Every structure is written in C-alpha cells, then in structure tokens.
Amino acid sequence: MGIAADMGTVQQGQLKQVVESRHGGKATFVQSVPVSEIRGSRTISKAFVSVFDLRGSTSGAFRAYAWSQESPDGQQTYFAVLHSPWVVGPTEAVRAAIAAEARVQK
C-alpha cells in the first residue's frame, strides 16, 4: 500500500470517528466523492467527501457525509452532516455546511 493509500485510510478512520462521536451509531465507509462548490468565478469549497452508512444513530439518519478542510492557520476542521430530506448527497452536505458557517459568522 502506498503513502497516498495509507493517508486515505487514516483520513477515513478519522472521519468515521467524527461521524460516530457527533451523531452516534456505527458508521461504515461507502465511498469518497470529490465536491467543488463554486459561486460565480470563485471556488468556495473543494473537498473529498466521505459517504458513510450509519446504523443505530439516535438521529434516525441512515447516512452521513464527512470531510475535513485546512483552515488558513493550518488547523484541520472536520465536518459531519447527516442525510435528510434537504441533504440527499455529498454536494448538498457541503452546501449545508457552508450555509451553517455563514449563519454563525453573521
């Protein structure tokens, strides 16, 4: 296994922990999907979103989407968004996180 594959496995493990600690239940990795959110000519977010099946969460959600992004100060920020009628895939999960951050910053 190469370095890139090892890093991907570590990342999946970290994201699995984030999903389980924030939302409960048992997360099982399904796939990783590249997502770019662009507004006008500006890229707002670019991430590989890991999709997890979720069992036993008190939320009742059956799927979660998780990713990390490096902040300007070099720290990793972890995101975990549950599947819902409004969040039906990785792209919507990223959009929901961007909207939530915008509300917090106001």
C-alpha atoms as a PDB file:
ATOM      1  CA  MET A   1       0.000   0.000   0.000  1.00  0.00           C
ATOM      2  CA  GLY A   2       1.428   3.404  -0.985  1.00  0.00           C
ATOM      3  CA  ILE A   3       1.668   6.561   1.072  1.00  0.00           C
ATOM      4  CA  ALA A   4      -1.412   8.106  -0.597  1.00  0.00           C
ATOM      5  CA  ALA A   5      -3.465   4.968   0.138  1.00  0.00           C
ATOM      6  CA  ASP A   6      -2.270   4.976   3.767  1.00  0.00           C
ATOM      7  CA  MET A   7      -3.241   8.646   4.139  1.00  0.00           C
ATOM      8  CA  GLY A   8      -6.670   7.906   2.669  1.00  0.00           C
ATOM      9  CA  THR A   9      -7.196   5.074   5.149  1.00  0.00           C
ATOM     10  CA  VAL A  10      -6.140   7.289   8.067  1.00  0.00           C
ATOM     11  CA  GLN A  11      -8.445  10.063   6.847  1.00  0.00           C
ATOM     12  CA  GLN A  12     -11.374   7.631   6.554  1.00  0.00           C
ATOM     13  CA  GLY A  13     -10.721   6.413  10.093  1.00  0.00           C
ATOM     14  CA  GLN A  14     -10.633   9.965  11.445  1.00  0.00           C
ATOM     15  CA  LEU A  15     -13.814  10.903   9.610  1.00  0.00           C
ATOM     16  CA  LYS A  16     -15.541   7.726  10.846  1.00  0.00           C
ATOM     17  CA  GLN A  17     -14.667   8.754  14.421  1.00  0.00           C
ATOM     18  CA  VAL A  18     -16.015  12.264  13.810  1.00  0.00           C
ATOM     19  CA  VAL A  19     -19.335  10.902  12.489  1.00  0.00           C
ATOM     20  CA  GLU A  20     -19.736   8.406  15.349  1.00  0.00           C
ATOM     21  CA  SER A  21     -18.762  10.868  18.094  1.00  0.00           C
ATOM     22  CA  ARG A  22     -21.047  13.637  16.818  1.00  0.00           C
ATOM     23  CA  HIS A  23     -24.045  11.593  15.726  1.00  0.00           C
ATOM     24  CA  GLY A  24     -23.771   8.230  17.499  1.00  0.00           C
ATOM     25  CA  GLY A  25     -24.258   4.842  15.956  1.00  0.00           C
ATOM     26  CA  LYS A  26     -21.851   2.849  13.812  1.00  0.00           C
ATOM     27  CA  ALA A  27     -20.517   4.373  10.603  1.00  0.00           C
ATOM     28  CA  THR A  28     -19.396   2.223   7.666  1.00  0.00           C
ATOM     29  CA  PHE A  29     -17.418   3.796   4.837  1.00  0.00           C
ATOM     30  CA  VAL A  30     -19.141   3.565   1.415  1.00  0.00           C
ATOM     31  CA  GLN A  31     -17.208   5.860  -0.934  1.00  0.00           C
ATOM     32  CA  SER A  32     -15.381   9.143  -1.313  1.00  0.00           C
ATOM     33  CA  VAL A  33     -16.735  11.771  -3.727  1.00  0.00           C
ATOM     34  CA  PRO A  34     -14.976  14.929  -4.962  1.00  0.00           C
ATOM     35  CA  VAL A  35     -17.102  18.054  -4.439  1.00  0.00           C
ATOM     36  CA  SER A  36     -16.347  21.602  -5.558  1.00  0.00           C
ATOM     37  CA  GLU A  37     -18.697  24.401  -4.621  1.00  0.00           C
ATOM     38  CA  ILE A  38     -18.292  27.379  -6.934  1.00  0.00           C
ATOM     39  CA  ARG A  39     -20.014  30.754  -6.665  1.00  0.00           C
ATOM     40  CA  GLY A  40     -19.512  32.955  -9.683  1.00  0.00           C
ATOM     41  CA  SER A  41     -15.873  32.532 -10.630  1.00  0.00           C
ATOM     42  CA  ARG A  42     -14.727  31.744  -7.084  1.00  0.00           C
ATOM     43  CA  THR A  43     -14.243  28.264  -5.608  1.00  0.00           C
ATOM     44  CA  ILE A  44     -15.735  28.383  -2.109  1.00  0.00           C
ATOM     45  CA  SER A  45     -15.053  24.814  -1.107  1.00  0.00           C
ATOM     46  CA  LYS A  46     -13.208  21.868  -2.584  1.00  0.00           C
ATOM     47  CA  ALA A  47     -13.164  18.570  -0.710  1.00  0.00           C
ATOM     48  CA  PHE A  48     -13.315  14.817  -0.957  1.00  0.00           C
ATOM     49  CA  VAL A  49     -16.493  13.955   0.939  1.00  0.00           C
ATOM     50  CA  SER A  50     -16.617  10.526   2.534  1.00  0.00           C
ATOM     51  CA  VAL A  51     -20.019   8.872   2.484  1.00  0.00           C
ATOM     52  CA  PHE A  52     -20.860   6.593   5.435  1.00  0.00           C
ATOM     53  CA  ASP A  53     -23.788   4.295   6.044  1.00  0.00           C
ATOM     54  CA  LEU A  54     -24.980   4.938   9.585  1.00  0.00           C
ATOM     55  CA  ARG A  55     -26.691   2.423  11.864  1.00  0.00           C
ATOM     56  CA  GLY A  56     -28.013   2.934  15.362  1.00  0.00           C
ATOM     57  CA  SER A  57     -27.821   6.722  15.424  1.00  0.00           C
ATOM     58  CA  THR A  58     -30.365   8.333  17.714  1.00  0.00           C
ATOM     59  CA  SER A  59     -30.976  10.845  14.906  1.00  0.00           C
ATOM     60  CA  GLY A  60     -32.591   8.136  12.790  1.00  0.00           C
ATOM     61  CA  ALA A  61     -30.417   9.098   9.810  1.00  0.00           C
ATOM     62  CA  PHE A  62     -29.130   6.187   7.730  1.00  0.00           C
ATOM     63  CA  ARG A  63     -26.263   8.057   6.050  1.00  0.00           C
ATOM     64  CA  ALA A  64     -23.693  10.709   6.921  1.00  0.00           C
ATOM     65  CA  TYR A  65     -21.250  12.797   4.896  1.00  0.00           C
ATOM     66  CA  ALA A  66     -17.894  13.834   6.348  1.00  0.00           C
ATOM     67  CA  TRP A  67     -14.775  15.689   5.234  1.00  0.00           C
ATOM     68  CA  SER A  68     -12.044  17.922   6.549  1.00  0.00           C
ATOM     69  CA  GLN A  69     -10.562  21.170   5.344  1.00  0.00           C
ATOM     70  CA  GLU A  70      -7.448  23.000   6.376  1.00  0.00           C
ATOM     71  CA  SER A  71      -8.068  26.483   7.773  1.00  0.00           C
ATOM     72  CA  PRO A  72      -5.767  29.417   6.941  1.00  0.00           C
ATOM     73  CA  ASP A  73      -3.870  28.833  10.217  1.00  0.00           C
ATOM     74  CA  GLY A  74      -3.124  25.225   9.224  1.00  0.00           C
ATOM     75  CA  GLN A  75      -5.632  23.557  11.549  1.00  0.00           C
ATOM     76  CA  GLN A  76      -7.939  20.813  10.262  1.00  0.00           C
ATOM     77  CA  THR A  77     -11.670  21.474  10.580  1.00  0.00           C
ATOM     78  CA  TYR A  78     -13.901  18.396  10.459  1.00  0.00           C
ATOM     79  CA  PHE A  79     -17.437  18.406   9.080  1.00  0.00           C
ATOM     80  CA  ALA A  80     -20.093  15.716   9.531  1.00  0.00           C
ATOM     81  CA  VAL A  81     -23.557  16.252   8.060  1.00  0.00           C
ATOM     82  CA  LEU A  82     -26.456  13.829   8.321  1.00  0.00           C
ATOM     83  CA  HIS A  83     -28.566  12.726   5.364  1.00  0.00           C
ATOM     84  CA  SER A  84     -32.022  14.341   5.459  1.00  0.00           C
ATOM     85  CA  PRO A  85     -34.774  15.374   3.057  1.00  0.00           C
ATOM     86  CA  TRP A  86     -32.710  18.546   2.370  1.00  0.00           C
ATOM     87  CA  VAL A  87     -29.304  16.861   2.311  1.00  0.00           C
ATOM     88  CA  VAL A  88     -29.501  13.964  -0.122  1.00  0.00           C
ATOM     89  CA  GLY A  89     -25.876  13.708  -1.183  1.00  0.00           C
ATOM     90  CA  PRO A  90     -22.323  14.980  -0.731  1.00  0.00           C
ATOM     91  CA  THR A  91     -22.856  18.211  -2.678  1.00  0.00           C
ATOM     92  CA  GLU A  92     -25.863  19.190  -0.553  1.00  0.00           C
ATOM     93  CA  ALA A  93     -23.890  18.314   2.597  1.00  0.00           C
ATOM     94  CA  VAL A  94     -21.130  20.757   1.626  1.00  0.00           C
ATOM     95  CA  ARG A  95     -23.714  23.427   0.783  1.00  0.00           C
ATOM     96  CA  ALA A  96     -25.436  22.901   4.149  1.00  0.00           C
ATOM     97  CA  ALA A  97     -22.115  23.277   5.989  1.00  0.00           C
ATOM     98  CA  ILE A  98     -21.275  26.463   4.072  1.00  0.00           C
ATOM     99  CA  ALA A  99     -24.708  27.899   4.917  1.00  0.00           C
ATOM    100  CA  ALA A 100     -24.338  26.951   8.603  1.00  0.00           C
ATOM    101  CA  GLU A 101     -20.912  28.623   8.779  1.00  0.00           C
ATOM    102  CA  ALA A 102     -22.308  31.761   7.137  1.00  0.00           C
ATOM    103  CA  ARG A 103     -25.093  31.943   9.759  1.00  0.00           C
ATOM    104  CA  VAL A 104     -22.547  31.597  12.589  1.00  0.00           C
ATOM    105  CA  GLN A 105     -20.335  34.351  11.166  1.00  0.00           C
ATOM    106  CA  LYS A 106     -23.209  36.874  10.996  1.00  0.00           C
END
